Amino acid sequence: MRAAADTAPASDMLGLAVLVALNLADECFRARADHSDANGEMQQRAIRLERIVDEVLAQIAETKAG
């Protein structure tokens, strides 16, 4: 609230409280989006690795069978 009051000294307390609340909500949504993006990337990498392992195991099984 102090930082908001310093940047907008003519604002009333209610206006400052709303501004602070909006800034906090924005930070929360940005953090959630960043976290979601990181999880999505990790999930995609895990899926690719799983496919690679499956292909190698299938090749090993074919070699042993043939």
PDB file of N, CA and C in Angstrom:
ATOM      1  N   MET A   1       0.829  -1.185   0.000  1.00  0.00           N
ATOM      2  CA  MET A   1       0.000   0.000   0.000  1.00  0.00           C
ATOM      3  C   MET A   1       0.876   1.252   0.000  1.00  0.00           C
ATOM      4  N   ARG A   2       2.001   1.176   0.707  1.00  0.00           N
ATOM      5  CA  ARG A   2       2.888   2.354   0.742  1.00  0.00           C
ATOM      6  C   ARG A   2       3.438   2.657  -0.637  1.00  0.00           C
ATOM      7  N   ALA A   3       3.844   1.596  -1.365  1.00  0.00           N
ATOM      8  CA  ALA A   3       4.392   1.822  -2.712  1.00  0.00           C
ATOM      9  C   ALA A   3       3.327   2.422  -3.620  1.00  0.00           C
ATOM     10  N   ALA A   4       2.103   1.941  -3.513  1.00  0.00           N
ATOM     11  CA  ALA A   4       1.011   2.492  -4.328  1.00  0.00           C
ATOM     12  C   ALA A   4       0.730   3.930  -3.921  1.00  0.00           C
ATOM     13  N   ALA A   5       0.766   4.214  -2.624  1.00  0.00           N
ATOM     14  CA  ALA A   5       0.521   5.579  -2.150  1.00  0.00           C
ATOM     15  C   ALA A   5       1.625   6.522  -2.614  1.00  0.00           C
ATOM     16  N   ASP A   6       2.851   6.013  -2.676  1.00  0.00           N
ATOM     17  CA  ASP A   6       3.967   6.853  -3.137  1.00  0.00           C
ATOM     18  C   ASP A   6       3.837   7.196  -4.615  1.00  0.00           C
ATOM     19  N   THR A   7       3.312   6.247  -5.408  1.00  0.00           N
ATOM     20  CA  THR A   7       3.199   6.501  -6.845  1.00  0.00           C
ATOM     21  C   THR A   7       1.951   7.302  -7.186  1.00  0.00           C
ATOM     22  N   ALA A   8       0.945   7.278  -6.314  1.00  0.00           N
ATOM     23  CA  ALA A   8      -0.283   8.035  -6.555  1.00  0.00           C
ATOM     24  C   ALA A   8      -0.714   8.710  -5.260  1.00  0.00           C
ATOM     25  N   PRO A   9       0.003   9.747  -4.829  1.00  0.00           N
ATOM     26  CA  PRO A   9      -0.281  10.360  -3.524  1.00  0.00           C
ATOM     27  C   PRO A   9      -1.649  11.032  -3.418  1.00  0.00           C
ATOM     28  N   ALA A  10      -2.269  11.369  -4.528  1.00  0.00           N
ATOM     29  CA  ALA A  10      -3.564  12.060  -4.485  1.00  0.00           C
ATOM     30  C   ALA A  10      -4.732  11.088  -4.337  1.00  0.00           C
ATOM     31  N   SER A  11      -4.493   9.774  -4.413  1.00  0.00           N
ATOM     32  CA  SER A  11      -5.560   8.785  -4.338  1.00  0.00           C
ATOM     33  C   SER A  11      -6.043   8.599  -2.913  1.00  0.00           C
ATOM     34  N   ASP A  12      -7.312   8.213  -2.792  1.00  0.00           N
ATOM     35  CA  ASP A  12      -7.843   7.908  -1.462  1.00  0.00           C
ATOM     36  C   ASP A  12      -7.495   6.471  -1.091  1.00  0.00           C
ATOM     37  N   MET A  13      -7.720   6.106   0.160  1.00  0.00           N
ATOM     38  CA  MET A  13      -7.347   4.776   0.655  1.00  0.00           C
ATOM     39  C   MET A  13      -8.095   3.663  -0.063  1.00  0.00           C
ATOM     40  N   LEU A  14      -9.360   3.868  -0.377  1.00  0.00           N
ATOM     41  CA  LEU A  14     -10.135   2.842  -1.069  1.00  0.00           C
ATOM     42  C   LEU A  14      -9.560   2.603  -2.465  1.00  0.00           C
ATOM     43  N   GLY A  15      -9.254   3.668  -3.158  1.00  0.00           N
ATOM     44  CA  GLY A  15      -8.664   3.535  -4.484  1.00  0.00           C
ATOM     45  C   GLY A  15      -7.322   2.827  -4.435  1.00  0.00           C
ATOM     46  N   LEU A  16      -6.513   3.152  -3.437  1.00  0.00           N
ATOM     47  CA  LEU A  16      -5.218   2.490  -3.276  1.00  0.00           C
ATOM     48  C   LEU A  16      -5.403   1.000  -2.964  1.00  0.00           C
ATOM     49  N   ALA A  17      -6.378   0.687  -2.110  1.00  0.00           N
ATOM     50  CA  ALA A  17      -6.628  -0.719  -1.765  1.00  0.00           C
ATOM     51  C   ALA A  17      -7.064  -1.507  -2.996  1.00  0.00           C
ATOM     52  N   VAL A  18      -7.901  -0.916  -3.827  1.00  0.00           N
ATOM     53  CA  VAL A  18      -8.335  -1.585  -5.054  1.00  0.00           C
ATOM     54  C   VAL A  18      -7.151  -1.777  -5.988  1.00  0.00           C
ATOM     55  N   LEU A  19      -6.315  -0.762  -6.112  1.00  0.00           N
ATOM     56  CA  LEU A  19      -5.128  -0.865  -6.969  1.00  0.00           C
ATOM     57  C   LEU A  19      -4.205  -1.976  -6.490  1.00  0.00           C
ATOM     58  N   VAL A  20      -3.964  -2.054  -5.189  1.00  0.00           N
ATOM     59  CA  VAL A  20      -3.114  -3.100  -4.631  1.00  0.00           C
ATOM     60  C   VAL A  20      -3.732  -4.470  -4.876  1.00  0.00           C
ATOM     61  N   ALA A  21      -5.041  -4.599  -4.665  1.00  0.00           N
ATOM     62  CA  ALA A  21      -5.723  -5.877  -4.881  1.00  0.00           C
ATOM     63  C   ALA A  21      -5.615  -6.315  -6.339  1.00  0.00           C
ATOM     64  N   LEU A  22      -5.774  -5.384  -7.257  1.00  0.00           N
ATOM     65  CA  LEU A  22      -5.652  -5.729  -8.686  1.00  0.00           C
ATOM     66  C   LEU A  22      -4.227  -6.156  -9.028  1.00  0.00           C
ATOM     67  N   ASN A  23      -3.238  -5.479  -8.468  1.00  0.00           N
ATOM     68  CA  ASN A  23      -1.847  -5.862  -8.711  1.00  0.00           C
ATOM     69  C   ASN A  23      -1.545  -7.250  -8.161  1.00  0.00           C
ATOM     70  N   LEU A  24      -2.059  -7.545  -6.964  1.00  0.00           N
ATOM     71  CA  LEU A  24      -1.855  -8.874  -6.380  1.00  0.00           C
ATOM     72  C   LEU A  24      -2.530  -9.960  -7.211  1.00  0.00           C
ATOM     73  N   ALA A  25      -3.729  -9.689  -7.676  1.00  0.00           N
ATOM     74  CA  ALA A  25      -4.439 -10.656  -8.511  1.00  0.00           C
ATOM     75  C   ALA A  25      -3.668 -10.897  -9.814  1.00  0.00           C
ATOM     76  N   ASP A  26      -3.142  -9.831 -10.395  1.00  0.00           N
ATOM     77  CA  ASP A  26      -2.363  -9.963 -11.629  1.00  0.00           C
ATOM     78  C   ASP A  26      -1.124 -10.819 -11.395  1.00  0.00           C
ATOM     79  N   GLU A  27      -0.421 -10.575 -10.297  1.00  0.00           N
ATOM     80  CA  GLU A  27       0.762 -11.377  -9.977  1.00  0.00           C
ATOM     81  C   GLU A  27       0.395 -12.841  -9.777  1.00  0.00           C
ATOM     82  N   CYS A  28      -0.729 -13.077  -9.118  1.00  0.00           N
ATOM     83  CA  CYS A  28      -1.181 -14.452  -8.881  1.00  0.00           C
ATOM     84  C   CYS A  28      -1.468 -15.162 -10.202  1.00  0.00           C
ATOM     85  N   PHE A  29      -2.197 -14.508 -11.096  1.00  0.00           N
ATOM     86  CA  PHE A  29      -2.522 -15.132 -12.378  1.00  0.00           C
ATOM     87  C   PHE A  29      -1.279 -15.355 -13.231  1.00  0.00           C
ATOM     88  N   ARG A  30      -0.343 -14.410 -13.190  1.00  0.00           N
ATOM     89  CA  ARG A  30       0.906 -14.590 -13.943  1.00  0.00           C
ATOM     90  C   ARG A  30       1.716 -15.766 -13.400  1.00  0.00           C
ATOM     91  N   ALA A  31       1.800 -15.875 -12.081  1.00  0.00           N
ATOM     92  CA  ALA A  31       2.533 -16.992 -11.474  1.00  0.00           C
ATOM     93  C   ALA A  31       1.875 -18.310 -11.817  1.00  0.00           C
ATOM     94  N   ARG A  32       0.553 -18.348 -11.787  1.00  0.00           N
ATOM     95  CA  ARG A  32      -0.171 -19.564 -12.131  1.00  0.00           C
ATOM     96  C   ARG A  32       0.071 -19.942 -13.596  1.00  0.00           C
ATOM     97  N   ALA A  33       0.066 -18.956 -14.477  1.00  0.00           N
ATOM     98  CA  ALA A  33       0.305 -19.225 -15.898  1.00  0.00           C
ATOM     99  C   ALA A  33       1.730 -19.727 -16.118  1.00  0.00           C
ATOM    100  N   ASP A  34       2.704 -19.115 -15.449  1.00  0.00           N
ATOM    101  CA  ASP A  34       4.093 -19.560 -15.578  1.00  0.00           C
ATOM    102  C   ASP A  34       4.249 -20.990 -15.085  1.00  0.00           C
ATOM    103  N   HIS A  35       3.617 -21.292 -13.970  1.00  0.00           N
ATOM    104  CA  HIS A  35       3.684 -22.642 -13.408  1.00  0.00           C
ATOM    105  C   HIS A  35       3.025 -23.645 -14.352  1.00  0.00           C
ATOM    106  N   SER A  36       1.899 -23.254 -14.913  1.00  0.00           N
ATOM    107  CA  SER A  36       1.180 -24.134 -15.832  1.00  0.00           C
ATOM    108  C   SER A  36       2.010 -24.401 -17.081  1.00  0.00           C
ATOM    109  N   ASP A  37       2.654 -23.368 -17.604  1.00  0.00           N
ATOM    110  CA  ASP A  37       3.498 -23.540 -18.792  1.00  0.00           C
ATOM    111  C   ASP A  37       4.652 -24.492 -18.502  1.00  0.00           C
ATOM    112  N   ALA A  38       5.272 -24.338 -17.358  1.00  0.00           N
ATOM    113  CA  ALA A  38       6.396 -25.212 -16.997  1.00  0.00           C
ATOM    114  C   ALA A  38       5.925 -26.653 -16.853  1.00  0.00           C
ATOM    115  N   ASN A  39       4.778 -26.857 -16.228  1.00  0.00           N
ATOM    116  CA  ASN A  39       4.256 -28.221 -16.086  1.00  0.00           C
ATOM    117  C   ASN A  39       3.910 -28.829 -17.433  1.00  0.00           C
ATOM    118  N   GLY A  40       3.338 -28.033 -18.315  1.00  0.00           N
ATOM    119  CA  GLY A  40       2.986 -28.516 -19.643  1.00  0.00           C
ATOM    120  C   GLY A  40       4.212 -28.936 -20.434  1.00  0.00           C
ATOM    121  N   GLU A  41       5.269 -28.149 -20.336  1.00  0.00           N
ATOM    122  CA  GLU A  41       6.516 -28.473 -21.031  1.00  0.00           C
ATOM    123  C   GLU A  41       7.117 -29.766 -20.491  1.00  0.00           C
ATOM    124  N   MET A  42       7.118 -29.917 -19.177  1.00  0.00           N
ATOM    125  CA  MET A  42       7.665 -31.129 -18.575  1.00  0.00           C
ATOM    126  C   MET A  42       6.843 -32.353 -18.975  1.00  0.00           C
ATOM    127  N   GLN A  43       5.536 -32.190 -19.036  1.00  0.00           N
ATOM    128  CA  GLN A  43       4.676 -33.307 -19.426  1.00  0.00           C
ATOM    129  C   GLN A  43       4.963 -33.721 -20.873  1.00  0.00           C
ATOM    130  N   GLN A  44       5.140 -32.757 -21.753  1.00  0.00           N
ATOM    131  CA  GLN A  44       5.449 -33.057 -23.145  1.00  0.00           C
ATOM    132  C   GLN A  44       6.791 -33.768 -23.266  1.00  0.00           C
ATOM    133  N   ARG A  45       7.771 -33.336 -22.515  1.00  0.00           N
ATOM    134  CA  ARG A  45       9.082 -34.003 -22.538  1.00  0.00           C
ATOM    135  C   ARG A  45       8.976 -35.431 -22.019  1.00  0.00           C
ATOM    136  N   ALA A  46       8.199 -35.630 -20.973  1.00  0.00           N
ATOM    137  CA  ALA A  46       8.018 -36.977 -20.424  1.00  0.00           C
ATOM    138  C   ALA A  46       7.334 -37.886 -21.440  1.00  0.00           C
ATOM    139  N   ILE A  47       6.366 -37.368 -22.155  1.00  0.00           N
ATOM    140  CA  ILE A  47       5.676 -38.163 -23.183  1.00  0.00           C
ATOM    141  C   ILE A  47       6.650 -38.545 -24.294  1.00  0.00           C
ATOM    142  N   ARG A  48       7.486 -37.603 -24.720  1.00  0.00           N
ATOM    143  CA  ARG A  48       8.473 -37.915 -25.770  1.00  0.00           C
ATOM    144  C   ARG A  48       9.457 -38.982 -25.294  1.00  0.00           C
ATOM    145  N   LEU A  49       9.930 -38.861 -24.066  1.00  0.00           N
ATOM    146  CA  LEU A  49      10.858 -39.855 -23.527  1.00  0.00           C
ATOM    147  C   LEU A  49      10.190 -41.223 -23.422  1.00  0.00           C
ATOM    148  N   GLU A  50       8.935 -41.242 -23.020  1.00  0.00           N
ATOM    149  CA  GLU A  50       8.213 -42.511 -22.930  1.00  0.00           C
ATOM    150  C   GLU A  50       8.116 -43.179 -24.305  1.00  0.00           C
ATOM    151  N   ARG A  51       7.854 -42.394 -25.330  1.00  0.00           N
ATOM    152  CA  ARG A  51       7.774 -42.946 -26.696  1.00  0.00           C
ATOM    153  C   ARG A  51       9.123 -43.520 -27.132  1.00  0.00           C
ATOM    154  N   ILE A  52      10.194 -42.802 -26.824  1.00  0.00           N
ATOM    155  CA  ILE A  52      11.535 -43.279 -27.194  1.00  0.00           C
ATOM    156  C   ILE A  52      11.828 -44.604 -26.505  1.00  0.00           C
ATOM    157  N   VAL A  53      11.534 -44.682 -25.211  1.00  0.00           N
ATOM    158  CA  VAL A  53      11.774 -45.918 -24.467  1.00  0.00           C
ATOM    159  C   VAL A  53      10.927 -47.050 -25.036  1.00  0.00           C
ATOM    160  N   ASP A  54       9.676 -46.772 -25.334  1.00  0.00           N
ATOM    161  CA  ASP A  54       8.804 -47.798 -25.920  1.00  0.00           C
ATOM    162  C   ASP A  54       9.349 -48.302 -27.255  1.00  0.00           C
ATOM    163  N   GLU A  55       9.846 -47.404 -28.091  1.00  0.00           N
ATOM    164  CA  GLU A  55      10.400 -47.803 -29.388  1.00  0.00           C
ATOM    165  C   GLU A  55      11.635 -48.687 -29.205  1.00  0.00           C
ATOM    166  N   VAL A  56      12.506 -48.303 -28.291  1.00  0.00           N
ATOM    167  CA  VAL A  56      13.719 -49.088 -28.046  1.00  0.00           C
ATOM    168  C   VAL A  56      13.354 -50.464 -27.507  1.00  0.00           C
ATOM    169  N   LEU A  57      12.417 -50.525 -26.574  1.00  0.00           N
ATOM    170  CA  LEU A  57      11.994 -51.810 -26.022  1.00  0.00           C
ATOM    171  C   LEU A  57      11.357 -52.695 -27.105  1.00  0.00           C
ATOM    172  N   ALA A  58      10.606 -52.097 -28.009  1.00  0.00           N
ATOM    173  CA  ALA A  58       9.992 -52.847 -29.089  1.00  0.00           C
ATOM    174  C   ALA A  58      11.077 -53.405 -30.033  1.00  0.00           C
ATOM    175  N   GLN A  59      12.099 -52.605 -30.298  1.00  0.00           N
ATOM    176  CA  GLN A  59      13.189 -53.065 -31.152  1.00  0.00           C
ATOM    177  C   GLN A  59      13.958 -54.221 -30.491  1.00  0.00           C
ATOM    178  N   ILE A  60      14.161 -54.113 -29.200  1.00  0.00           N
ATOM    179  CA  ILE A  60      14.844 -55.187 -28.457  1.00  0.00           C
ATOM    180  C   ILE A  60      14.013 -56.461 -28.507  1.00  0.00           C
ATOM    181  N   ALA A  61      12.713 -56.323 -28.314  1.00  0.00           N
ATOM    182  CA  ALA A  61      11.839 -57.498 -28.352  1.00  0.00           C
ATOM    183  C   ALA A  61      11.837 -58.145 -29.741  1.00  0.00           C
ATOM    184  N   GLU A  62      11.849 -57.322 -30.793  1.00  0.00           N
ATOM    185  CA  GLU A  62      11.891 -57.860 -32.157  1.00  0.00           C
ATOM    186  C   GLU A  62      13.194 -58.583 -32.419  1.00  0.00           C
ATOM    187  N   THR A  63      14.295 -58.012 -31.925  1.00  0.00           N
ATOM    188  CA  THR A  63      15.610 -58.618 -32.125  1.00  0.00           C
ATOM    189  C   THR A  63      15.664 -59.978 -31.422  1.00  0.00           C
ATOM    190  N   LYS A  64      15.136 -60.059 -30.216  1.00  0.00           N
ATOM    191  CA  LYS A  64      15.145 -61.322 -29.475  1.00  0.00           C
ATOM    192  C   LYS A  64      14.223 -62.354 -30.127  1.00  0.00           C
ATOM    193  N   ALA A  65      13.099 -61.903 -30.681  1.00  0.00           N
ATOM    194  CA  ALA A  65      12.138 -62.819 -31.307  1.00  0.00           C
ATOM    195  C   ALA A  65      12.632 -63.285 -32.665  1.00  0.00           C
ATOM    196  N   GLY A  66      13.384 -62.456 -33.342  1.00  0.00           N
ATOM    197  CA  GLY A  66      13.799 -62.768 -34.704  1.00  0.00           C
ATOM    198  C   GLY A  66      15.093 -63.427 -34.753  1.00  0.00           C
TER     199      GLY A  66
END
